[in-house]
Amino acid sequence: MGRHGGKATRPGGGSGGRGEGRSPDRDGLRGAGTLFELAFSFAGTMLAGMAIGYYGGRWLDAWWGTEPWLQLVGLMLGVVAAFRALWRTLQRMEDPPSGPVGGAGRQRNTGKEGNDL
């Protein structure tokens, strides 16, 4: 027991509640890790989209004889697809899923027999 009114205290300064006793540096590193993950994921998506669009357009150009137009169209579609993927990822990070804890894989108990969890 600590000396503050008979309550047990922890060395971090808090009573063990959620978020108490954490250092701000640790939370900053966790946020930086998320940003690095997002940056590398976006870079990979951008490169893959551009490469698929470019080489797909190049192949179609060679087949139809429309050089360089489909290369450029494919390249632009790859860039648009990468930014769309980034936008969707940012939206998911902003709005956490609202639903039952445990995800969509959980079954509901409707009260009928044979539907045990």
Protein backbone atom coordinates (compact mmCIF):
# COMPACT_ATOMS: atom_id res chain seq x y z
CA MET A 1 0.00 0.00 0.00
CA GLY A 2 1.18 3.45 -0.80
CA ARG A 3 1.03 6.41 1.48
CA HIS A 4 -1.85 8.16 -0.31
CA GLY A 5 -4.98 7.29 1.63
CA GLY A 6 -4.41 3.56 1.79
CA LYS A 7 -4.57 3.04 -1.97
CA ALA A 8 -2.02 0.90 -3.67
CA THR A 9 0.05 2.92 -6.11
CA ARG A 10 2.26 1.82 -8.94
CA PRO A 11 5.77 3.06 -9.69
CA GLY A 12 4.49 4.80 -12.86
CA GLY A 13 2.60 7.28 -10.72
CA GLY A 14 -0.91 6.01 -11.47
CA SER A 15 -3.11 3.45 -9.86
CA GLY A 16 -2.86 1.07 -12.80
CA GLY A 17 -5.77 2.42 -14.81
CA ARG A 18 -5.76 2.33 -18.54
CA GLY A 19 -3.41 4.88 -20.05
CA GLU A 20 -1.89 5.92 -16.73
CA GLY A 21 1.81 5.51 -16.22
CA ARG A 22 2.59 5.36 -19.93
CA SER A 23 5.37 7.45 -21.25
CA PRO A 24 4.53 9.83 -24.10
CA ASP A 25 7.60 8.58 -25.97
CA ARG A 26 6.20 5.08 -26.19
CA ASP A 27 2.90 6.32 -27.65
CA GLY A 28 4.84 8.49 -30.11
CA LEU A 29 6.84 5.50 -31.32
CA ARG A 30 3.67 3.49 -31.79
CA GLY A 31 2.21 6.32 -33.90
CA ALA A 32 5.42 6.62 -35.89
CA GLY A 33 5.34 2.88 -36.59
CA THR A 34 1.85 3.21 -37.98
CA LEU A 35 2.94 6.08 -40.21
CA PHE A 36 5.98 4.15 -41.47
CA GLU A 37 3.77 1.17 -42.21
CA LEU A 38 1.35 3.40 -44.08
CA ALA A 39 4.16 5.06 -46.06
CA PHE A 40 5.76 1.79 -47.14
CA SER A 41 2.40 0.25 -47.94
CA PHE A 42 1.49 3.25 -50.10
CA ALA A 43 4.87 3.21 -51.86
CA GLY A 44 4.49 -0.49 -52.66
CA THR A 45 0.94 -0.01 -53.88
CA MET A 46 2.00 2.96 -56.02
CA LEU A 47 4.89 1.06 -57.61
CA ALA A 48 2.81 -2.05 -58.25
CA GLY A 49 -0.07 -0.08 -59.73
CA MET A 50 2.22 1.94 -61.98
CA ALA A 51 4.13 -1.15 -63.14
CA ILE A 52 0.98 -3.16 -63.90
CA GLY A 53 -0.61 -0.22 -65.70
CA TYR A 54 2.52 0.63 -67.67
CA TYR A 55 3.36 -2.88 -68.80
CA GLY A 56 -0.27 -3.78 -69.41
CA GLY A 57 -0.64 -0.67 -71.56
CA ARG A 58 2.60 -1.44 -73.35
CA TRP A 59 1.38 -4.94 -74.16
CA LEU A 60 -1.94 -3.61 -75.47
CA ASP A 61 -0.09 -0.94 -77.49
CA ALA A 62 2.05 -3.57 -79.15
CA TRP A 63 -1.02 -5.68 -79.91
CA TRP A 64 -3.19 -2.85 -81.30
CA GLY A 65 -0.43 -0.56 -82.61
CA THR A 66 -1.52 2.46 -80.56
CA GLU A 67 1.86 3.24 -79.06
CA PRO A 68 2.30 5.18 -76.51
CA TRP A 69 -1.30 6.01 -75.64
CA LEU A 70 -2.34 2.90 -73.74
CA GLN A 71 0.94 2.97 -71.80
CA LEU A 72 0.05 6.43 -70.55
CA VAL A 73 -3.55 5.48 -69.80
CA GLY A 74 -2.41 2.37 -67.91
CA LEU A 75 0.13 4.39 -65.95
CA MET A 76 -2.50 6.95 -64.95
CA LEU A 77 -4.96 4.24 -63.96
CA GLY A 78 -2.25 2.68 -61.76
CA VAL A 79 -1.63 6.00 -60.01
CA VAL A 80 -5.38 6.55 -59.50
CA ALA A 81 -5.75 3.02 -58.09
CA ALA A 82 -2.88 3.61 -55.65
CA PHE A 83 -4.37 6.87 -54.37
CA ARG A 84 -7.76 5.20 -54.05
CA ALA A 85 -6.20 2.45 -51.94
CA LEU A 86 -4.47 5.08 -49.77
CA TRP A 87 -7.75 6.97 -49.32
CA ARG A 88 -9.59 3.80 -48.27
CA THR A 89 -6.83 2.91 -45.81
CA LEU A 90 -6.94 6.38 -44.26
CA GLN A 91 -10.72 6.17 -43.95
CA ARG A 92 -10.43 2.83 -42.15
CA MET A 93 -7.84 4.27 -39.76
CA GLU A 94 -10.07 7.27 -39.01
CA ASP A 95 -13.33 5.37 -38.40
CA PRO A 96 -12.86 2.29 -36.22
CA PRO A 97 -15.35 -0.47 -36.97
CA SER A 98 -18.55 -0.22 -34.95
CA GLY A 99 -19.87 -3.62 -34.09
CA PRO A 100 -19.62 -6.34 -31.53
CA VAL A 101 -16.23 -7.00 -30.06
CA GLY A 102 -14.75 -10.04 -31.70
CA GLY A 103 -15.44 -9.12 -35.26
CA ALA A 104 -17.80 -10.41 -37.87
CA GLY A 105 -16.89 -14.03 -37.29
CA ARG A 106 -18.89 -14.27 -34.08
CA GLN A 107 -22.24 -15.97 -34.06
CA ARG A 108 -25.27 -14.50 -32.39
CA ASN A 109 -27.09 -16.42 -29.71
CA THR A 110 -30.75 -16.31 -30.72
CA GLY A 111 -31.96 -18.46 -27.86
CA LYS A 112 -32.72 -21.48 -30.04
CA GLU A 113 -31.32 -24.86 -29.20
CA GLY A 114 -28.32 -26.02 -31.15
CA ASN A 115 -27.02 -22.50 -31.57
CA ASP A 116 -24.55 -22.61 -28.70
CA LEU A 117 -21.43 -20.54 -28.85
